[in-house]
Amino acid sequence: MSIAGVLKDISPEGARITLFQPAGLPDFIEIDFQLLTLSVEAYIRWRRDNDIGVRFEEPIDLDKMPLRLHRSRADVVASYFKSNRAS
């Protein structure tokens, strides 16, 4: 299952994402950045209304991302990651 959202903030270690329908996401998800060919695994660390804060399993290199992604909102898709991992 996938849930669409908008990237609000990003750092090498994590991000804040507003999801259009946040209910039902497990603690470990996969995030697809639609403007890039980038998919990352992340742990949801906090939830507030439609916003989630995630910590990437591995840090990402922001220098390889287009500058527009750092400074503007970008579409993302959060997917259930089929795994038995615990947060």
PDB file of N, CA and C in Angstrom:
ATOM      1  N   MET A   1       0.844  -1.188   0.000  1.00  0.00           N
ATOM      2  CA  MET A   1       0.000   0.000   0.000  1.00  0.00           C
ATOM      3  C   MET A   1       0.885   1.246   0.000  1.00  0.00           C
ATOM      4  N   SER A   2       0.488   2.260  -0.717  1.00  0.00           N
ATOM      5  CA  SER A   2       1.236   3.519  -0.775  1.00  0.00           C
ATOM      6  C   SER A   2       0.352   4.683  -0.364  1.00  0.00           C
ATOM      7  N   ILE A   3       0.979   5.694   0.231  1.00  0.00           N
ATOM      8  CA  ILE A   3       0.288   6.905   0.641  1.00  0.00           C
ATOM      9  C   ILE A   3       1.093   8.092   0.134  1.00  0.00           C
ATOM     10  N   ALA A   4       0.448   8.998  -0.584  1.00  0.00           N
ATOM     11  CA  ALA A   4       1.132  10.159  -1.143  1.00  0.00           C
ATOM     12  C   ALA A   4       1.299  11.239  -0.079  1.00  0.00           C
ATOM     13  N   GLY A   5       2.317  12.074  -0.292  1.00  0.00           N
ATOM     14  CA  GLY A   5       2.565  13.161   0.642  1.00  0.00           C
ATOM     15  C   GLY A   5       3.455  14.214   0.036  1.00  0.00           C
ATOM     16  N   VAL A   6       3.801  15.194   0.871  1.00  0.00           N
ATOM     17  CA  VAL A   6       4.638  16.315   0.440  1.00  0.00           C
ATOM     18  C   VAL A   6       5.801  16.453   1.416  1.00  0.00           C
ATOM     19  N   LEU A   7       7.011  16.515   0.874  1.00  0.00           N
ATOM     20  CA  LEU A   7       8.204  16.715   1.677  1.00  0.00           C
ATOM     21  C   LEU A   7       8.219  18.155   2.185  1.00  0.00           C
ATOM     22  N   LYS A   8       8.375  18.319   3.487  1.00  0.00           N
ATOM     23  CA  LYS A   8       8.404  19.659   4.084  1.00  0.00           C
ATOM     24  C   LYS A   8       9.811  20.088   4.463  1.00  0.00           C
ATOM     25  N   ASP A   9      10.574  19.201   5.088  1.00  0.00           N
ATOM     26  CA  ASP A   9      11.952  19.474   5.497  1.00  0.00           C
ATOM     27  C   ASP A   9      12.756  18.204   5.280  1.00  0.00           C
ATOM     28  N   ILE A  10      14.059  18.388   4.996  1.00  0.00           N
ATOM     29  CA  ILE A  10      14.913  17.220   4.819  1.00  0.00           C
ATOM     30  C   ILE A  10      16.312  17.533   5.324  1.00  0.00           C
ATOM     31  N   SER A  11      16.949  16.517   5.879  1.00  0.00           N
ATOM     32  CA  SER A  11      18.345  16.590   6.296  1.00  0.00           C
ATOM     33  C   SER A  11      18.966  15.257   5.881  1.00  0.00           C
ATOM     34  N   PRO A  12      20.279  15.113   6.018  1.00  0.00           N
ATOM     35  CA  PRO A  12      20.874  13.823   5.669  1.00  0.00           C
ATOM     36  C   PRO A  12      20.334  12.655   6.512  1.00  0.00           C
ATOM     37  N   GLU A  13      19.881  12.955   7.721  1.00  0.00           N
ATOM     38  CA  GLU A  13      19.425  11.901   8.633  1.00  0.00           C
ATOM     39  C   GLU A  13      17.923  11.652   8.623  1.00  0.00           C
ATOM     40  N   GLY A  14      17.124  12.605   8.131  1.00  0.00           N
ATOM     41  CA  GLY A  14      15.686  12.410   8.206  1.00  0.00           C
ATOM     42  C   GLY A  14      14.897  13.486   7.499  1.00  0.00           C
ATOM     43  N   ALA A  15      13.574  13.447   7.698  1.00  0.00           N
ATOM     44  CA  ALA A  15      12.694  14.381   7.000  1.00  0.00           C
ATOM     45  C   ALA A  15      11.383  14.554   7.758  1.00  0.00           C
ATOM     46  N   ARG A  16      10.712  15.642   7.422  1.00  0.00           N
ATOM     47  CA  ARG A  16       9.330  15.863   7.869  1.00  0.00           C
ATOM     48  C   ARG A  16       8.466  15.819   6.631  1.00  0.00           C
ATOM     49  N   ILE A  17       7.424  15.016   6.671  1.00  0.00           N
ATOM     50  CA  ILE A  17       6.560  14.789   5.516  1.00  0.00           C
ATOM     51  C   ILE A  17       5.114  14.973   5.950  1.00  0.00           C
ATOM     52  N   THR A  18       4.336  15.678   5.131  1.00  0.00           N
ATOM     53  CA  THR A  18       2.890  15.756   5.335  1.00  0.00           C
ATOM     54  C   THR A  18       2.254  14.735   4.409  1.00  0.00           C
ATOM     55  N   LEU A  19       1.530  13.792   5.005  1.00  0.00           N
ATOM     56  CA  LEU A  19       0.870  12.751   4.230  1.00  0.00           C
ATOM     57  C   LEU A  19      -0.592  13.106   4.011  1.00  0.00           C
ATOM     58  N   PHE A  20      -1.111  12.702   2.870  1.00  0.00           N
ATOM     59  CA  PHE A  20      -2.511  13.006   2.569  1.00  0.00           C
ATOM     60  C   PHE A  20      -3.458  12.083   3.331  1.00  0.00           C
ATOM     61  N   GLN A  21      -2.967  10.911   3.751  1.00  0.00           N
ATOM     62  CA  GLN A  21      -3.769   9.977   4.537  1.00  0.00           C
ATOM     63  C   GLN A  21      -2.825   9.167   5.418  1.00  0.00           C
ATOM     64  N   PRO A  22      -2.447   9.692   6.573  1.00  0.00           N
ATOM     65  CA  PRO A  22      -1.385   9.076   7.370  1.00  0.00           C
ATOM     66  C   PRO A  22      -1.773   7.839   8.164  1.00  0.00           C
ATOM     67  N   ALA A  23      -3.039   7.560   8.296  1.00  0.00           N
ATOM     68  CA  ALA A  23      -3.462   6.448   9.147  1.00  0.00           C
ATOM     69  C   ALA A  23      -2.962   5.115   8.607  1.00  0.00           C
ATOM     70  N   GLY A  24      -2.547   4.280   9.522  1.00  0.00           N
ATOM     71  CA  GLY A  24      -2.216   2.917   9.152  1.00  0.00           C
ATOM     72  C   GLY A  24      -0.777   2.650   8.754  1.00  0.00           C
ATOM     73  N   LEU A  25       0.079   3.659   8.753  1.00  0.00           N
ATOM     74  CA  LEU A  25       1.475   3.406   8.406  1.00  0.00           C
ATOM     75  C   LEU A  25       2.177   2.719   9.573  1.00  0.00           C
ATOM     76  N   PRO A  26       2.964   1.689   9.277  1.00  0.00           N
ATOM     77  CA  PRO A  26       3.748   1.063  10.349  1.00  0.00           C
ATOM     78  C   PRO A  26       4.932   1.943  10.716  1.00  0.00           C
ATOM     79  N   ASP A  27       5.708   1.527  11.686  1.00  0.00           N
ATOM     80  CA  ASP A  27       6.842   2.330  12.150  1.00  0.00           C
ATOM     81  C   ASP A  27       8.019   2.323  11.182  1.00  0.00           C
ATOM     82  N   PHE A  28       8.098   1.333  10.294  1.00  0.00           N
ATOM     83  CA  PHE A  28       9.194   1.247   9.326  1.00  0.00           C
ATOM     84  C   PHE A  28       8.595   1.307   7.926  1.00  0.00           C
ATOM     85  N   ILE A  29       9.025   2.289   7.126  1.00  0.00           N
ATOM     86  CA  ILE A  29       8.442   2.503   5.806  1.00  0.00           C
ATOM     87  C   ILE A  29       9.533   2.701   4.756  1.00  0.00           C
ATOM     88  N   GLU A  30       9.124   2.682   3.510  1.00  0.00           N
ATOM     89  CA  GLU A  30       9.985   3.034   2.399  1.00  0.00           C
ATOM     90  C   GLU A  30       9.446   4.327   1.807  1.00  0.00           C
ATOM     91  N   ILE A  31      10.335   5.279   1.538  1.00  0.00           N
ATOM     92  CA  ILE A  31       9.931   6.576   0.986  1.00  0.00           C
ATOM     93  C   ILE A  31      10.510   6.708  -0.410  1.00  0.00           C
ATOM     94  N   ASP A  32       9.640   6.991  -1.373  1.00  0.00           N
ATOM     95  CA  ASP A  32      10.058   7.212  -2.760  1.00  0.00           C
ATOM     96  C   ASP A  32       9.958   8.692  -3.074  1.00  0.00           C
ATOM     97  N   PHE A  33      11.079   9.285  -3.459  1.00  0.00           N
ATOM     98  CA  PHE A  33      11.097  10.673  -3.897  1.00  0.00           C
ATOM     99  C   PHE A  33      10.816  10.657  -5.395  1.00  0.00           C
ATOM    100  N   GLN A  34       9.641  11.135  -5.797  1.00  0.00           N
ATOM    101  CA  GLN A  34       9.203  10.968  -7.175  1.00  0.00           C
ATOM    102  C   GLN A  34      10.009  11.776  -8.182  1.00  0.00           C
ATOM    103  N   LEU A  35      10.628  12.873  -7.779  1.00  0.00           N
ATOM    104  CA  LEU A  35      11.417  13.661  -8.722  1.00  0.00           C
ATOM    105  C   LEU A  35      12.786  13.046  -8.981  1.00  0.00           C
ATOM    106  N   LEU A  36      13.133  12.071  -8.171  1.00  0.00           N
ATOM    107  CA  LEU A  36      14.445  11.419  -8.278  1.00  0.00           C
ATOM    108  C   LEU A  36      14.241   9.925  -8.420  1.00  0.00           C
ATOM    109  N   THR A  37      15.283   9.244  -8.721  1.00  0.00           N
ATOM    110  CA  THR A  37      15.225   7.787  -8.666  1.00  0.00           C
ATOM    111  C   THR A  37      15.806   7.369  -7.324  1.00  0.00           C
ATOM    112  N   LEU A  38      15.204   7.889  -6.264  1.00  0.00           N
ATOM    113  CA  LEU A  38      15.700   7.655  -4.917  1.00  0.00           C
ATOM    114  C   LEU A  38      14.589   7.070  -4.059  1.00  0.00           C
ATOM    115  N   SER A  39      14.918   5.985  -3.414  1.00  0.00           N
ATOM    116  CA  SER A  39      14.010   5.348  -2.483  1.00  0.00           C
ATOM    117  C   SER A  39      14.809   5.056  -1.217  1.00  0.00           C
ATOM    118  N   VAL A  40      14.284   5.437  -0.065  1.00  0.00           N
ATOM    119  CA  VAL A  40      14.995   5.221   1.190  1.00  0.00           C
ATOM    120  C   VAL A  40      14.089   4.539   2.202  1.00  0.00           C
ATOM    121  N   GLU A  41      14.704   3.770   3.073  1.00  0.00           N
ATOM    122  CA  GLU A  41      13.987   3.140   4.169  1.00  0.00           C
ATOM    123  C   GLU A  41      14.103   4.046   5.382  1.00  0.00           C
ATOM    124  N   ALA A  42      13.025   4.131   6.143  1.00  0.00           N
ATOM    125  CA  ALA A  42      13.013   5.064   7.269  1.00  0.00           C
ATOM    126  C   ALA A  42      12.124   4.567   8.394  1.00  0.00           C
ATOM    127  N   TYR A  43      12.480   5.004   9.606  1.00  0.00           N
ATOM    128  CA  TYR A  43      11.668   4.752  10.790  1.00  0.00           C
ATOM    129  C   TYR A  43      10.854   6.002  11.094  1.00  0.00           C
ATOM    130  N   ILE A  44       9.562   5.835  11.338  1.00  0.00           N
ATOM    131  CA  ILE A  44       8.736   6.959  11.779  1.00  0.00           C
ATOM    132  C   ILE A  44       9.050   7.196  13.251  1.00  0.00           C
ATOM    133  N   ARG A  45       9.503   8.401  13.581  1.00  0.00           N
ATOM    134  CA  ARG A  45       9.875   8.741  14.946  1.00  0.00           C
ATOM    135  C   ARG A  45       8.792   9.518  15.670  1.00  0.00           C
ATOM    136  N   TRP A  46       7.979  10.262  14.945  1.00  0.00           N
ATOM    137  CA  TRP A  46       6.869  10.967  15.570  1.00  0.00           C
ATOM    138  C   TRP A  46       5.745  11.152  14.550  1.00  0.00           C
ATOM    139  N   ARG A  47       4.535  11.346  15.047  1.00  0.00           N
ATOM    140  CA  ARG A  47       3.328  11.562  14.231  1.00  0.00           C
ATOM    141  C   ARG A  47       2.540  12.694  14.867  1.00  0.00           C
ATOM    142  N   ARG A  48       2.094  13.627  14.041  1.00  0.00           N
ATOM    143  CA  ARG A  48       1.294  14.750  14.522  1.00  0.00           C
ATOM    144  C   ARG A  48       0.324  15.136  13.415  1.00  0.00           C
ATOM    145  N   ASP A  49      -0.957  14.870  13.632  1.00  0.00           N
ATOM    146  CA  ASP A  49      -1.979  15.092  12.610  1.00  0.00           C
ATOM    147  C   ASP A  49      -1.545  14.381  11.326  1.00  0.00           C
ATOM    148  N   ASN A  50      -1.373  15.103  10.233  1.00  0.00           N
ATOM    149  CA  ASN A  50      -0.959  14.488   8.967  1.00  0.00           C
ATOM    150  C   ASN A  50       0.550  14.502   8.767  1.00  0.00           C
ATOM    151  N   ASP A  51       1.298  15.035   9.729  1.00  0.00           N
ATOM    152  CA  ASP A  51       2.750  15.102   9.601  1.00  0.00           C
ATOM    153  C   ASP A  51       3.407  13.901  10.274  1.00  0.00           C
ATOM    154  N   ILE A  52       4.509  13.449   9.653  1.00  0.00           N
ATOM    155  CA  ILE A  52       5.345  12.439  10.284  1.00  0.00           C
ATOM    156  C   ILE A  52       6.789  12.922  10.232  1.00  0.00           C
ATOM    157  N   GLY A  53       7.549  12.542  11.237  1.00  0.00           N
ATOM    158  CA  GLY A  53       8.985  12.781  11.246  1.00  0.00           C
ATOM    159  C   GLY A  53       9.665  11.437  11.101  1.00  0.00           C
ATOM    160  N   VAL A  54      10.582  11.324  10.163  1.00  0.00           N
ATOM    161  CA  VAL A  54      11.247  10.052   9.918  1.00  0.00           C
ATOM    162  C   VAL A  54      12.758  10.184  10.076  1.00  0.00           C
ATOM    163  N   ARG A  55      13.368   9.087  10.462  1.00  0.00           N
ATOM    164  CA  ARG A  55      14.826   8.975  10.499  1.00  0.00           C
ATOM    165  C   ARG A  55      15.206   7.932   9.463  1.00  0.00           C
ATOM    166  N   PHE A  56      16.043   8.329   8.502  1.00  0.00           N
ATOM    167  CA  PHE A  56      16.471   7.403   7.463  1.00  0.00           C
ATOM    168  C   PHE A  56      17.324   6.304   8.073  1.00  0.00           C
ATOM    169  N   GLU A  57      17.187   5.102   7.552  1.00  0.00           N
ATOM    170  CA  GLU A  57      18.006   4.001   8.046  1.00  0.00           C
ATOM    171  C   GLU A  57      19.485   4.255   7.751  1.00  0.00           C
ATOM    172  N   GLU A  58      19.769   4.836   6.598  1.00  0.00           N
ATOM    173  CA  GLU A  58      21.130   5.236   6.225  1.00  0.00           C
ATOM    174  C   GLU A  58      21.083   6.713   5.831  1.00  0.00           C
ATOM    175  N   PRO A  59      22.037   7.535   6.249  1.00  0.00           N
ATOM    176  CA  PRO A  59      22.033   8.946   5.826  1.00  0.00           C
ATOM    177  C   PRO A  59      22.086   9.064   4.303  1.00  0.00           C
ATOM    178  N   ILE A  60      21.474  10.124   3.784  1.00  0.00           N
ATOM    179  CA  ILE A  60      21.503  10.361   2.343  1.00  0.00           C
ATOM    180  C   ILE A  60      22.407  11.557   2.050  1.00  0.00           C
ATOM    181  N   ASP A  61      22.938  11.592   0.849  1.00  0.00           N
ATOM    182  CA  ASP A  61      23.828  12.663   0.415  1.00  0.00           C
ATOM    183  C   ASP A  61      23.001  13.750  -0.268  1.00  0.00           C
ATOM    184  N   LEU A  62      22.729  14.831   0.455  1.00  0.00           N
ATOM    185  CA  LEU A  62      21.908  15.905  -0.103  1.00  0.00           C
ATOM    186  C   LEU A  62      22.588  16.605  -1.268  1.00  0.00           C
ATOM    187  N   ASP A  63      23.905  16.533  -1.359  1.00  0.00           N
ATOM    188  CA  ASP A  63      24.611  17.166  -2.476  1.00  0.00           C
ATOM    189  C   ASP A  63      24.276  16.519  -3.810  1.00  0.00           C
ATOM    190  N   LYS A  64      23.772  15.291  -3.777  1.00  0.00           N
ATOM    191  CA  LYS A  64      23.399  14.599  -5.012  1.00  0.00           C
ATOM    192  C   LYS A  64      21.952  14.877  -5.411  1.00  0.00           C
ATOM    193  N   MET A  65      21.216  15.598  -4.557  1.00  0.00           N
ATOM    194  CA  MET A  65      19.823  15.922  -4.850  1.00  0.00           C
ATOM    195  C   MET A  65      19.759  17.283  -5.514  1.00  0.00           C
ATOM    196  N   PRO A  66      18.829  17.467  -6.457  1.00  0.00           N
ATOM    197  CA  PRO A  66      18.684  18.792  -7.073  1.00  0.00           C
ATOM    198  C   PRO A  66      18.391  19.853  -6.025  1.00  0.00           C
ATOM    199  N   LEU A  67      18.950  21.034  -6.201  1.00  0.00           N
ATOM    200  CA  LEU A  67      18.762  22.128  -5.249  1.00  0.00           C
ATOM    201  C   LEU A  67      17.290  22.451  -5.044  1.00  0.00           C
ATOM    202  N   ARG A  68      16.490  22.340  -6.091  1.00  0.00           N
ATOM    203  CA  ARG A  68      15.061  22.664  -5.959  1.00  0.00           C
ATOM    204  C   ARG A  68      14.362  21.760  -4.957  1.00  0.00           C
ATOM    205  N   LEU A  69      14.880  20.543  -4.761  1.00  0.00           N
ATOM    206  CA  LEU A  69      14.277  19.636  -3.797  1.00  0.00           C
ATOM    207  C   LEU A  69      14.556  20.097  -2.373  1.00  0.00           C
ATOM    208  N   HIS A  70      15.691  20.734  -2.150  1.00  0.00           N
ATOM    209  CA  HIS A  70      16.021  21.256  -0.826  1.00  0.00           C
ATOM    210  C   HIS A  70      15.144  22.451  -0.474  1.00  0.00           C
ATOM    211  N   ARG A  71      14.844  23.273  -1.443  1.00  0.00           N
ATOM    212  CA  ARG A  71      14.211  24.569  -1.168  1.00  0.00           C
ATOM    213  C   ARG A  71      12.715  24.627  -1.433  1.00  0.00           C
ATOM    214  N   SER A  72      12.158  23.603  -2.011  1.00  0.00           N
ATOM    215  CA  SER A  72      10.722  23.619  -2.284  1.00  0.00           C
ATOM    216  C   SER A  72      10.115  22.290  -1.883  1.00  0.00           C
ATOM    217  N   ARG A  73       8.828  22.277  -1.840  1.00  0.00           N
ATOM    218  CA  ARG A  73       8.135  21.046  -1.483  1.00  0.00           C
ATOM    219  C   ARG A  73       8.210  20.066  -2.644  1.00  0.00           C
ATOM    220  N   ALA A  74       8.385  18.831  -2.323  1.00  0.00           N
ATOM    221  CA  ALA A  74       8.476  17.795  -3.339  1.00  0.00           C
ATOM    222  C   ALA A  74       7.490  16.680  -3.015  1.00  0.00           C
ATOM    223  N   ASP A  75       6.960  16.082  -4.042  1.00  0.00           N
ATOM    224  CA  ASP A  75       6.052  14.963  -3.847  1.00  0.00           C
ATOM    225  C   ASP A  75       6.831  13.729  -3.423  1.00  0.00           C
ATOM    226  N   VAL A  76       6.273  13.003  -2.485  1.00  0.00           N
ATOM    227  CA  VAL A  76       6.870  11.751  -2.035  1.00  0.00           C
ATOM    228  C   VAL A  76       5.767  10.722  -1.903  1.00  0.00           C
ATOM    229  N   VAL A  77       6.147   9.484  -1.873  1.00  0.00           N
ATOM    230  CA  VAL A  77       5.207   8.402  -1.619  1.00  0.00           C
ATOM    231  C   VAL A  77       5.787   7.557  -0.498  1.00  0.00           C
ATOM    232  N   ALA A  78       5.013   7.352   0.541  1.00  0.00           N
ATOM    233  CA  ALA A  78       5.428   6.501   1.656  1.00  0.00           C
ATOM    234  C   ALA A  78       4.733   5.157   1.484  1.00  0.00           C
ATOM    235  N   SER A  79       5.509   4.109   1.505  1.00  0.00           N
ATOM    236  CA  SER A  79       4.974   2.769   1.290  1.00  0.00           C
ATOM    237  C   SER A  79       5.262   1.889   2.496  1.00  0.00           C
ATOM    238  N   TYR A  80       4.377   0.942   2.699  1.00  0.00           N
ATOM    239  CA  TYR A  80       4.659  -0.074   3.692  1.00  0.00           C
ATOM    240  C   TYR A  80       5.891  -0.827   3.235  1.00  0.00           C
ATOM    241  N   PHE A  81       6.805  -1.039   4.128  1.00  0.00           N
ATOM    242  CA  PHE A  81       7.995  -1.808   3.815  1.00  0.00           C
ATOM    243  C   PHE A  81       7.797  -3.182   4.410  1.00  0.00           C
ATOM    244  N   LYS A  82       7.736  -4.168   3.558  1.00  0.00           N
ATOM    245  CA  LYS A  82       7.434  -5.527   4.008  1.00  0.00           C
ATOM    246  C   LYS A  82       8.667  -6.127   4.670  1.00  0.00           C
ATOM    247  N   SER A  83       8.692  -6.023   5.985  1.00  0.00           N
ATOM    248  CA  SER A  83       9.838  -6.489   6.749  1.00  0.00           C
ATOM    249  C   SER A  83       9.404  -6.763   8.167  1.00  0.00           C
ATOM    250  N   ASN A  84      10.164  -7.550   8.851  1.00  0.00           N
ATOM    251  CA  ASN A  84       9.894  -7.826  10.258  1.00  0.00           C
ATOM    252  C   ASN A  84      10.727  -6.968  11.176  1.00  0.00           C
ATOM    253  N   ARG A  85      11.309  -5.896  10.645  1.00  0.00           N
ATOM    254  CA  ARG A  85      12.176  -5.034  11.453  1.00  0.00           C
ATOM    255  C   ARG A  85      11.387  -4.347  12.547  1.00  0.00           C
ATOM    256  N   ALA A  86      12.038  -4.118  13.641  1.00  0.00           N
ATOM    257  CA  ALA A  86      11.433  -3.378  14.761  1.00  0.00           C
ATOM    258  C   ALA A  86      12.129  -2.039  14.871  1.00  0.00           C
ATOM    259  N   SER A  87      11.403  -1.022  15.307  1.00  0.00           N
ATOM    260  CA  SER A  87      12.021   0.301  15.461  1.00  0.00           C
ATOM    261  C   SER A  87      12.786   0.436  16.724  1.00  0.00           C
TER     262      SER A  87
END
